[in-house]
Amino acid sequence: MWIKIIKSTFWGLFITGVLLILSLTNRKHNEQISALPNIFIKINGENAFLTQKELLNRLKRQGYVFDNQTMKNVKINTIEQSIEKMSEVKEVSVYKSINNSWNIDILLRKPIARIFNRYGESFYVDEEGYSMSTSPLYTARVLVFTGDIKDRKSEINVEKIINNRTLKTKFFLDDIYRISYYVCSSPFWSSLLGQVHIEKNGDMIMIPQVGDFKIIFGKANNTKEVKEKMDKLWLFYSNALPYEGWNKYQEINLKFKKQIVCKKKLE
């Protein structure tokens, strides 16, 4: 009986001691001056829209990093939530490590299109259909969209638009995304097509980087339609141009079902 009491008392004191030591260690750790964060940025593509220096400057401006900051004042969850809201960021993890250090791991978004809308604004669309702010650091080499575009940079992504009939009638973002995704997935089309201009009637006009003609693409209502039209364009490039030459045509129209209508230049 007494042996059980002694054992229970011993283990109780032992556990209490361990908890006390951990508490004192944690308190000492929290009172240490924090080093600057170790920032690791992974780029999904060739352009870094956010650098370590720029991220650190943003955190300083927001008051999350400051001189003589203790580890207690490194608000991991708050900092992570703030970085998540940055349009360039796809994934982020913020965590503390040993001593007085802490880390930020970031995966950046990959832009596939740049939009210049009717209001003089410019923003990117990434490979998952999310809007991204432009960067003063880099300009991505992606398909450029100009013309009568009402879309503005917002929290609405392509998936929401596609799944909502009302939104589909208001935005061009889903059509822009379908064409951009197809073009950026092909080295051939990426090198050949540089700009798409959207007319007031909603028609998309492709402007190739080689050749003095325009390509009337029309609408991009779904992925199947985009593929069918691009397949027709490929037939034109592989069969007609080698024989007629790059300067023979004025206009290539892909709007018609199962046919290509070509308009030659006047002699």
C-alpha atoms as a PDB file:
ATOM      1  CA  MET A   1       0.000   0.000   0.000  1.00  0.00           C
ATOM      2  CA  TRP A   2       2.693   2.462   1.110  1.00  0.00           C
ATOM      3  CA  ILE A   3       4.842   1.438  -1.860  1.00  0.00           C
ATOM      4  CA  LYS A   4       2.037   2.374  -4.286  1.00  0.00           C
ATOM      5  CA  ILE A   5       1.597   5.756  -2.561  1.00  0.00           C
ATOM      6  CA  ILE A   6       5.342   6.418  -2.703  1.00  0.00           C
ATOM      7  CA  LYS A   7       5.458   5.466  -6.412  1.00  0.00           C
ATOM      8  CA  SER A   8       2.460   7.639  -7.223  1.00  0.00           C
ATOM      9  CA  THR A   9       3.988  10.563  -5.325  1.00  0.00           C
ATOM     10  CA  PHE A  10       7.335  10.082  -7.080  1.00  0.00           C
ATOM     11  CA  TRP A  11       5.799  10.020 -10.558  1.00  0.00           C
ATOM     12  CA  GLY A  12       3.620  12.970  -9.697  1.00  0.00           C
ATOM     13  CA  LEU A  13       6.639  15.008  -8.598  1.00  0.00           C
ATOM     14  CA  PHE A  14       8.616  13.830 -11.638  1.00  0.00           C
ATOM     15  CA  ILE A  15       5.941  14.894 -14.104  1.00  0.00           C
ATOM     16  CA  THR A  16       5.479  18.211 -12.302  1.00  0.00           C
ATOM     17  CA  GLY A  17       9.239  18.786 -12.484  1.00  0.00           C
ATOM     18  CA  VAL A  18       9.360  18.002 -16.187  1.00  0.00           C
ATOM     19  CA  LEU A  19       6.451  20.360 -16.891  1.00  0.00           C
ATOM     20  CA  LEU A  20       8.132  23.077 -14.848  1.00  0.00           C
ATOM     21  CA  ILE A  21      11.396  22.673 -16.760  1.00  0.00           C
ATOM     22  CA  LEU A  22       9.531  22.786 -20.101  1.00  0.00           C
ATOM     23  CA  SER A  23       7.649  25.867 -18.988  1.00  0.00           C
ATOM     24  CA  LEU A  24      10.834  27.668 -17.946  1.00  0.00           C
ATOM     25  CA  THR A  25      12.564  26.617 -21.180  1.00  0.00           C
ATOM     26  CA  ASN A  26       9.630  27.842 -23.265  1.00  0.00           C
ATOM     27  CA  ARG A  27       9.545  31.138 -21.352  1.00  0.00           C
ATOM     28  CA  LYS A  28      13.267  31.624 -21.915  1.00  0.00           C
ATOM     29  CA  HIS A  29      12.811  30.807 -25.608  1.00  0.00           C
ATOM     30  CA  ASN A  30       9.947  33.311 -25.938  1.00  0.00           C
ATOM     31  CA  GLU A  31      12.048  36.057 -24.395  1.00  0.00           C
ATOM     32  CA  GLN A  32      14.930  35.585 -26.852  1.00  0.00           C
ATOM     33  CA  ILE A  33      15.418  38.143 -29.614  1.00  0.00           C
ATOM     34  CA  SER A  34      14.187  36.676 -32.890  1.00  0.00           C
ATOM     35  CA  ALA A  35      16.388  36.404 -35.931  1.00  0.00           C
ATOM     36  CA  LEU A  36      14.974  37.431 -39.313  1.00  0.00           C
ATOM     37  CA  PRO A  37      12.902  34.639 -40.892  1.00  0.00           C
ATOM     38  CA  ASN A  38      14.493  32.074 -43.178  1.00  0.00           C
ATOM     39  CA  ILE A  39      12.509  32.542 -46.390  1.00  0.00           C
ATOM     40  CA  PHE A  40      12.320  29.751 -48.970  1.00  0.00           C
ATOM     41  CA  ILE A  41      10.476  30.576 -52.208  1.00  0.00           C
ATOM     42  CA  LYS A  42       9.679  27.900 -54.802  1.00  0.00           C
ATOM     43  CA  ILE A  43       8.911  29.172 -58.292  1.00  0.00           C
ATOM     44  CA  ASN A  44       6.557  27.242 -60.588  1.00  0.00           C
ATOM     45  CA  GLY A  45       7.897  28.717 -63.806  1.00  0.00           C
ATOM     46  CA  GLU A  46      10.605  31.165 -64.809  1.00  0.00           C
ATOM     47  CA  ASN A  47       9.465  34.383 -63.140  1.00  0.00           C
ATOM     48  CA  ALA A  48       9.741  35.163 -59.423  1.00  0.00           C
ATOM     49  CA  PHE A  49       6.863  37.547 -58.734  1.00  0.00           C
ATOM     50  CA  LEU A  50       7.854  37.700 -55.081  1.00  0.00           C
ATOM     51  CA  THR A  51      11.421  37.757 -53.766  1.00  0.00           C
ATOM     52  CA  GLN A  52      12.763  37.218 -50.271  1.00  0.00           C
ATOM     53  CA  LYS A  53      13.622  40.920 -49.988  1.00  0.00           C
ATOM     54  CA  GLU A  54      10.176  42.071 -51.125  1.00  0.00           C
ATOM     55  CA  LEU A  55       8.369  39.676 -48.780  1.00  0.00           C
ATOM     56  CA  LEU A  56      10.472  40.821 -45.826  1.00  0.00           C
ATOM     57  CA  ASN A  57       9.751  44.470 -46.664  1.00  0.00           C
ATOM     58  CA  ARG A  58       6.011  43.750 -46.776  1.00  0.00           C
ATOM     59  CA  LEU A  59       6.100  42.014 -43.393  1.00  0.00           C
ATOM     60  CA  LYS A  60       8.005  44.966 -41.924  1.00  0.00           C
ATOM     61  CA  ARG A  61       5.487  47.464 -43.336  1.00  0.00           C
ATOM     62  CA  GLN A  62       2.650  45.420 -41.837  1.00  0.00           C
ATOM     63  CA  GLY A  63       4.358  45.357 -38.432  1.00  0.00           C
ATOM     64  CA  TYR A  64       4.945  41.584 -38.353  1.00  0.00           C
ATOM     65  CA  VAL A  65       8.746  41.959 -38.324  1.00  0.00           C
ATOM     66  CA  PHE A  66      10.533  44.675 -36.351  1.00  0.00           C
ATOM     67  CA  ASP A  67      13.769  45.441 -34.475  1.00  0.00           C
ATOM     68  CA  ASN A  68      14.365  43.689 -31.145  1.00  0.00           C
ATOM     69  CA  GLN A  69      11.400  41.412 -31.795  1.00  0.00           C
ATOM     70  CA  THR A  70      11.177  38.538 -29.321  1.00  0.00           C
ATOM     71  CA  MET A  71      10.108  35.033 -30.302  1.00  0.00           C
ATOM     72  CA  LYS A  72       6.936  35.583 -28.280  1.00  0.00           C
ATOM     73  CA  ASN A  73       5.987  38.384 -30.680  1.00  0.00           C
ATOM     74  CA  VAL A  74       6.440  36.265 -33.807  1.00  0.00           C
ATOM     75  CA  LYS A  75       2.765  35.577 -34.515  1.00  0.00           C
ATOM     76  CA  ILE A  76       3.057  32.497 -36.707  1.00  0.00           C
ATOM     77  CA  ASN A  77      -0.643  32.033 -37.558  1.00  0.00           C
ATOM     78  CA  THR A  78      -1.281  35.726 -38.195  1.00  0.00           C
ATOM     79  CA  ILE A  79       1.766  36.026 -40.462  1.00  0.00           C
ATOM     80  CA  GLU A  80       0.777  32.908 -42.391  1.00  0.00           C
ATOM     81  CA  GLN A  81      -2.761  34.219 -42.933  1.00  0.00           C
ATOM     82  CA  SER A  82      -1.388  37.547 -44.149  1.00  0.00           C
ATOM     83  CA  ILE A  83       0.930  35.904 -46.678  1.00  0.00           C
ATOM     84  CA  GLU A  84      -1.902  33.631 -47.891  1.00  0.00           C
ATOM     85  CA  LYS A  85      -3.791  36.765 -48.995  1.00  0.00           C
ATOM     86  CA  MET A  86      -0.969  37.841 -51.328  1.00  0.00           C
ATOM     87  CA  SER A  87      -2.119  37.160 -54.885  1.00  0.00           C
ATOM     88  CA  GLU A  88       1.253  35.750 -55.959  1.00  0.00           C
ATOM     89  CA  VAL A  89       1.190  33.051 -53.293  1.00  0.00           C
ATOM     90  CA  LYS A  90      -0.286  29.609 -53.952  1.00  0.00           C
ATOM     91  CA  GLU A  91       0.840  27.856 -50.741  1.00  0.00           C
ATOM     92  CA  VAL A  92       2.605  29.032 -47.571  1.00  0.00           C
ATOM     93  CA  SER A  93       3.785  27.513 -44.319  1.00  0.00           C
ATOM     94  CA  VAL A  94       5.184  29.556 -41.413  1.00  0.00           C
ATOM     95  CA  TYR A  95       6.744  27.774 -38.451  1.00  0.00           C
ATOM     96  CA  LYS A  96       9.263  28.171 -35.648  1.00  0.00           C
ATOM     97  CA  SER A  97      12.364  26.035 -35.277  1.00  0.00           C
ATOM     98  CA  ILE A  98      15.097  25.596 -32.674  1.00  0.00           C
ATOM     99  CA  ASN A  99      16.946  28.448 -30.970  1.00  0.00           C
ATOM    100  CA  ASN A 100      15.552  31.839 -32.018  1.00  0.00           C
ATOM    101  CA  SER A 101      14.803  31.110 -35.683  1.00  0.00           C
ATOM    102  CA  TRP A 102      11.618  30.791 -37.714  1.00  0.00           C
ATOM    103  CA  ASN A 103      10.861  29.886 -41.319  1.00  0.00           C
ATOM    104  CA  ILE A 104       8.579  30.812 -44.206  1.00  0.00           C
ATOM    105  CA  ASP A 105       8.075  28.307 -47.054  1.00  0.00           C
ATOM    106  CA  ILE A 106       6.241  29.636 -50.119  1.00  0.00           C
ATOM    107  CA  LEU A 107       5.101  28.216 -53.463  1.00  0.00           C
ATOM    108  CA  LEU A 108       4.294  30.950 -55.992  1.00  0.00           C
ATOM    109  CA  ARG A 109       1.560  30.900 -58.597  1.00  0.00           C
ATOM    110  CA  LYS A 110       2.385  30.495 -62.300  1.00  0.00           C
ATOM    111  CA  PRO A 111       0.812  33.115 -64.609  1.00  0.00           C
ATOM    112  CA  ILE A 112      -0.462  32.049 -68.038  1.00  0.00           C
ATOM    113  CA  ALA A 113      -2.142  35.251 -69.265  1.00  0.00           C
ATOM    114  CA  ARG A 114      -1.921  38.995 -68.773  1.00  0.00           C
ATOM    115  CA  ILE A 115      -5.053  41.105 -69.081  1.00  0.00           C
ATOM    116  CA  PHE A 116      -5.314  44.803 -69.958  1.00  0.00           C
ATOM    117  CA  ASN A 117      -8.967  45.707 -69.367  1.00  0.00           C
ATOM    118  CA  ARG A 118     -11.101  48.610 -70.571  1.00  0.00           C
ATOM    119  CA  TYR A 119     -10.364  50.573 -67.366  1.00  0.00           C
ATOM    120  CA  GLY A 120      -6.626  50.772 -67.946  1.00  0.00           C
ATOM    121  CA  GLU A 121      -5.931  48.108 -65.309  1.00  0.00           C
ATOM    122  CA  SER A 122      -3.638  45.153 -65.753  1.00  0.00           C
ATOM    123  CA  PHE A 123      -3.392  41.807 -63.944  1.00  0.00           C
ATOM    124  CA  TYR A 124      -2.441  38.186 -64.539  1.00  0.00           C
ATOM    125  CA  VAL A 125      -4.398  34.935 -64.523  1.00  0.00           C
ATOM    126  CA  ASP A 126      -2.587  31.884 -63.175  1.00  0.00           C
ATOM    127  CA  GLU A 127      -2.709  28.228 -64.261  1.00  0.00           C
ATOM    128  CA  GLU A 128      -5.538  27.511 -61.807  1.00  0.00           C
ATOM    129  CA  GLY A 129      -7.691  30.446 -62.932  1.00  0.00           C
ATOM    130  CA  TYR A 130      -6.929  32.868 -60.088  1.00  0.00           C
ATOM    131  CA  SER A 131      -6.178  36.571 -60.556  1.00  0.00           C
ATOM    132  CA  MET A 132      -2.687  37.840 -59.749  1.00  0.00           C
ATOM    133  CA  SER A 133      -1.367  41.362 -59.311  1.00  0.00           C
ATOM    134  CA  THR A 134       1.378  42.583 -61.630  1.00  0.00           C
ATOM    135  CA  SER A 135       4.863  42.919 -60.203  1.00  0.00           C
ATOM    136  CA  PRO A 136       7.361  45.786 -60.479  1.00  0.00           C
ATOM    137  CA  LEU A 137      10.080  43.125 -60.331  1.00  0.00           C
ATOM    138  CA  TYR A 138       9.205  40.957 -63.336  1.00  0.00           C
ATOM    139  CA  THR A 139       7.039  40.809 -66.424  1.00  0.00           C
ATOM    140  CA  ALA A 140       5.912  37.322 -67.382  1.00  0.00           C
ATOM    141  CA  ARG A 141       6.179  36.235 -71.011  1.00  0.00           C
ATOM    142  CA  VAL A 142       2.605  35.061 -71.422  1.00  0.00           C
ATOM    143  CA  LEU A 143      -0.333  35.552 -73.782  1.00  0.00           C
ATOM    144  CA  VAL A 144      -1.586  39.159 -73.603  1.00  0.00           C
ATOM    145  CA  PHE A 145      -5.314  40.003 -73.772  1.00  0.00           C
ATOM    146  CA  THR A 146      -6.523  43.495 -74.705  1.00  0.00           C
ATOM    147  CA  GLY A 147      -9.730  45.133 -75.918  1.00  0.00           C
ATOM    148  CA  ASP A 148     -13.248  45.373 -74.542  1.00  0.00           C
ATOM    149  CA  ILE A 149     -12.620  43.425 -71.327  1.00  0.00           C
ATOM    150  CA  LYS A 150     -14.883  44.304 -68.412  1.00  0.00           C
ATOM    151  CA  ASP A 151     -13.251  41.877 -65.983  1.00  0.00           C
ATOM    152  CA  ARG A 152     -11.316  43.400 -63.096  1.00  0.00           C
ATOM    153  CA  LYS A 153      -8.937  41.758 -60.658  1.00  0.00           C
ATOM    154  CA  SER A 154     -11.103  40.162 -57.981  1.00  0.00           C
ATOM    155  CA  GLU A 155     -11.560  37.191 -55.706  1.00  0.00           C
ATOM    156  CA  ILE A 156     -13.699  35.450 -58.333  1.00  0.00           C
ATOM    157  CA  ASN A 157     -11.801  32.610 -59.980  1.00  0.00           C
ATOM    158  CA  VAL A 158     -12.457  30.671 -63.169  1.00  0.00           C
ATOM    159  CA  GLU A 159     -13.970  27.676 -61.388  1.00  0.00           C
ATOM    160  CA  LYS A 160     -16.669  29.863 -59.781  1.00  0.00           C
ATOM    161  CA  ILE A 161     -17.476  31.460 -63.137  1.00  0.00           C
ATOM    162  CA  ILE A 162     -17.711  28.142 -64.992  1.00  0.00           C
ATOM    163  CA  ASN A 163     -20.103  26.724 -62.388  1.00  0.00           C
ATOM    164  CA  ASN A 164     -22.386  29.761 -62.331  1.00  0.00           C
ATOM    165  CA  ARG A 165     -24.459  30.677 -65.402  1.00  0.00           C
ATOM    166  CA  THR A 166     -25.005  34.231 -64.219  1.00  0.00           C
ATOM    167  CA  LEU A 167     -21.282  34.835 -63.785  1.00  0.00           C
ATOM    168  CA  LYS A 168     -20.528  33.306 -67.214  1.00  0.00           C
ATOM    169  CA  THR A 169     -22.535  36.056 -68.893  1.00  0.00           C
ATOM    170  CA  LYS A 170     -20.653  38.773 -66.998  1.00  0.00           C
ATOM    171  CA  PHE A 171     -17.030  37.676 -67.275  1.00  0.00           C
ATOM    172  CA  PHE A 172     -14.503  36.882 -70.019  1.00  0.00           C
ATOM    173  CA  LEU A 173     -12.106  35.357 -67.506  1.00  0.00           C
ATOM    174  CA  ASP A 174     -13.187  31.761 -68.208  1.00  0.00           C
ATOM    175  CA  ASP A 175     -12.788  32.183 -72.005  1.00  0.00           C
ATOM    176  CA  ILE A 176      -9.399  33.838 -71.489  1.00  0.00           C
ATOM    177  CA  TYR A 177      -8.317  31.024 -69.216  1.00  0.00           C
ATOM    178  CA  ARG A 178      -9.309  28.258 -71.666  1.00  0.00           C
ATOM    179  CA  ILE A 179      -7.318  29.764 -74.536  1.00  0.00           C
ATOM    180  CA  SER A 180      -4.328  30.676 -72.358  1.00  0.00           C
ATOM    181  CA  TYR A 181      -4.118  27.246 -70.782  1.00  0.00           C
ATOM    182  CA  TYR A 182      -4.184  25.574 -74.192  1.00  0.00           C
ATOM    183  CA  VAL A 183      -1.577  27.928 -75.658  1.00  0.00           C
ATOM    184  CA  CYS A 184       0.817  27.788 -72.707  1.00  0.00           C
ATOM    185  CA  SER A 185       0.698  23.976 -72.769  1.00  0.00           C
ATOM    186  CA  SER A 186       2.194  23.971 -76.265  1.00  0.00           C
ATOM    187  CA  PRO A 187       5.720  25.282 -77.026  1.00  0.00           C
ATOM    188  CA  PHE A 188       4.644  25.826 -80.644  1.00  0.00           C
ATOM    189  CA  TRP A 189       1.602  27.980 -79.882  1.00  0.00           C
ATOM    190  CA  SER A 190       3.386  29.777 -77.045  1.00  0.00           C
ATOM    191  CA  SER A 191       6.109  30.944 -79.414  1.00  0.00           C
ATOM    192  CA  LEU A 192       3.710  31.787 -82.241  1.00  0.00           C
ATOM    193  CA  LEU A 193       0.832  33.600 -80.516  1.00  0.00           C
ATOM    194  CA  GLY A 194       1.512  36.766 -78.549  1.00  0.00           C
ATOM    195  CA  GLN A 195      -1.735  38.706 -78.226  1.00  0.00           C
ATOM    196  CA  VAL A 196      -5.508  38.253 -78.284  1.00  0.00           C
ATOM    197  CA  HIS A 197      -7.773  41.277 -78.813  1.00  0.00           C
ATOM    198  CA  ILE A 198     -11.405  41.068 -77.701  1.00  0.00           C
ATOM    199  CA  GLU A 199     -13.917  42.969 -79.849  1.00  0.00           C
ATOM    200  CA  LYS A 200     -17.120  44.574 -78.533  1.00  0.00           C
ATOM    201  CA  ASN A 201     -19.160  41.643 -79.869  1.00  0.00           C
ATOM    202  CA  GLY A 202     -17.060  39.260 -77.778  1.00  0.00           C
ATOM    203  CA  ASP A 203     -15.054  37.800 -80.659  1.00  0.00           C
ATOM    204  CA  MET A 204     -11.437  37.021 -79.858  1.00  0.00           C
ATOM    205  CA  ILE A 205      -8.921  38.065 -82.496  1.00  0.00           C
ATOM    206  CA  MET A 206      -5.532  36.354 -82.277  1.00  0.00           C
ATOM    207  CA  ILE A 207      -2.510  38.321 -83.433  1.00  0.00           C
ATOM    208  CA  PRO A 208       0.408  36.026 -84.329  1.00  0.00           C
ATOM    209  CA  GLN A 209       4.001  37.095 -83.819  1.00  0.00           C
ATOM    210  CA  VAL A 210       4.905  35.810 -87.296  1.00  0.00           C
ATOM    211  CA  GLY A 211       2.806  36.687 -90.328  1.00  0.00           C
ATOM    212  CA  ASP A 212       0.862  39.785 -91.339  1.00  0.00           C
ATOM    213  CA  PHE A 213      -2.669  38.464 -90.801  1.00  0.00           C
ATOM    214  CA  LYS A 214      -5.218  38.146 -88.020  1.00  0.00           C
ATOM    215  CA  ILE A 215      -6.966  35.022 -86.740  1.00  0.00           C
ATOM    216  CA  ILE A 216     -10.649  35.388 -85.889  1.00  0.00           C
ATOM    217  CA  PHE A 217     -11.104  32.849 -83.114  1.00  0.00           C
ATOM    218  CA  GLY A 218     -14.595  33.845 -81.989  1.00  0.00           C
ATOM    219  CA  LYS A 219     -15.734  32.578 -78.582  1.00  0.00           C
ATOM    220  CA  ALA A 220     -14.153  29.999 -76.267  1.00  0.00           C
ATOM    221  CA  ASN A 221     -17.261  28.623 -74.582  1.00  0.00           C
ATOM    222  CA  ASN A 222     -15.720  25.313 -73.539  1.00  0.00           C
ATOM    223  CA  THR A 223     -12.509  23.304 -73.689  1.00  0.00           C
ATOM    224  CA  LYS A 224     -13.751  21.143 -76.571  1.00  0.00           C
ATOM    225  CA  GLU A 225     -14.494  24.200 -78.715  1.00  0.00           C
ATOM    226  CA  VAL A 226     -11.030  25.629 -78.054  1.00  0.00           C
ATOM    227  CA  LYS A 227      -9.347  22.372 -79.069  1.00  0.00           C
ATOM    228  CA  GLU A 228     -11.420  22.037 -82.261  1.00  0.00           C
ATOM    229  CA  LYS A 229     -10.563  25.570 -83.352  1.00  0.00           C
ATOM    230  CA  MET A 230      -6.877  25.183 -82.523  1.00  0.00           C
ATOM    231  CA  ASP A 231      -6.799  21.897 -84.445  1.00  0.00           C
ATOM    232  CA  LYS A 232      -8.189  23.723 -87.490  1.00  0.00           C
ATOM    233  CA  LEU A 233      -5.560  26.430 -87.071  1.00  0.00           C
ATOM    234  CA  TRP A 234      -2.865  23.768 -86.918  1.00  0.00           C
ATOM    235  CA  LEU A 235      -4.114  22.342 -90.241  1.00  0.00           C
ATOM    236  CA  PHE A 236      -3.841  25.802 -91.756  1.00  0.00           C
ATOM    237  CA  TYR A 237      -0.285  26.296 -90.509  1.00  0.00           C
ATOM    238  CA  SER A 238       0.887  22.820 -91.516  1.00  0.00           C
ATOM    239  CA  ASN A 239      -0.882  22.527 -94.908  1.00  0.00           C
ATOM    240  CA  ALA A 240      -1.653  25.985 -96.357  1.00  0.00           C
ATOM    241  CA  LEU A 241       1.184  28.254 -95.238  1.00  0.00           C
ATOM    242  CA  PRO A 242       4.064  26.096 -96.549  1.00  0.00           C
ATOM    243  CA  TYR A 243       2.612  26.455-100.068  1.00  0.00           C
ATOM    244  CA  GLU A 244       0.975  29.896-100.001  1.00  0.00           C
ATOM    245  CA  GLY A 245       3.485  31.728 -97.813  1.00  0.00           C
ATOM    246  CA  TRP A 246       3.144  33.843 -94.652  1.00  0.00           C
ATOM    247  CA  ASN A 247       2.101  37.031 -96.447  1.00  0.00           C
ATOM    248  CA  LYS A 248      -0.612  35.638 -98.699  1.00  0.00           C
ATOM    249  CA  TYR A 249      -3.544  35.965 -96.293  1.00  0.00           C
ATOM    250  CA  GLN A 250      -5.247  38.867 -94.597  1.00  0.00           C
ATOM    251  CA  GLU A 251      -7.618  36.980 -92.333  1.00  0.00           C
ATOM    252  CA  ILE A 252      -8.111  33.430 -91.011  1.00  0.00           C
ATOM    253  CA  ASN A 253     -11.582  32.745 -89.615  1.00  0.00           C
ATOM    254  CA  LEU A 254     -12.109  29.797 -87.245  1.00  0.00           C
ATOM    255  CA  LYS A 255     -15.683  30.625 -86.204  1.00  0.00           C
ATOM    256  CA  PHE A 256     -17.420  28.313 -88.648  1.00  0.00           C
ATOM    257  CA  LYS A 257     -18.115  24.673 -87.785  1.00  0.00           C
ATOM    258  CA  LYS A 258     -15.655  22.189 -89.310  1.00  0.00           C
ATOM    259  CA  GLN A 259     -14.176  24.670 -91.768  1.00  0.00           C
ATOM    260  CA  ILE A 260     -11.610  27.419 -92.095  1.00  0.00           C
ATOM    261  CA  VAL A 261     -12.506  30.547 -94.031  1.00  0.00           C
ATOM    262  CA  CYS A 262      -9.431  32.349 -95.346  1.00  0.00           C
ATOM    263  CA  LYS A 263      -9.392  35.819 -96.843  1.00  0.00           C
ATOM    264  CA  LYS A 264      -6.467  36.590 -99.135  1.00  0.00           C
ATOM    265  CA  LYS A 265      -4.865  39.983 -99.471  1.00  0.00           C
ATOM    266  CA  LEU A 266      -5.766  42.080-102.496  1.00  0.00           C
ATOM    267  CA  GLU A 267      -3.071  41.982-105.157  1.00  0.00           C
END
